[in-house]
Amino acid sequence: MFMFLFLVVALAVVVGAVTLAVVGGGESATLPEAGPERFEDPLPQGRPVNRADVETLRFPVGVRGYRMADVDDALGRLGAELSERDSRIAELEAALAAAHATTGPSSPSLHKPEEGEHQ
């Protein structure tokens, strides 16, 4: 009987302590409202994505990990921008090759000198 009363009193003390900690929690009195864990696209809309944008990209965690739709949207956007950059690089390389073909071999070289190579 004594052990039962001890457990009831101990349970009451623990419940009371937790209640005071949650409800009367210092300066803010109650717990702050938790914002919805929806993905707000932090990738810039007015310019291409850079390395810092990708490094700061964080996804909210869902019940079983990350929300697949949020990750798919971000990866789709990154893939589209990389594809656009690749096609632009190919276009510029083709234009450079065409310019080299029309000017001939006597034009100055635009390649980056290797280490130890002098111009």
Foldseek 3Di string as FASTA:
>chain_A
DVVVVVVVVVVVVVVVVVVCCAQCVPPVRHDDDDDDQDDDQPADDPDDGDPVSVVPDDHGADPPGGDPVVVVVVVVSVVVSVVVVVVVVVVVVVVVVVVCVVVDPVDDDPDDDDVPDDD
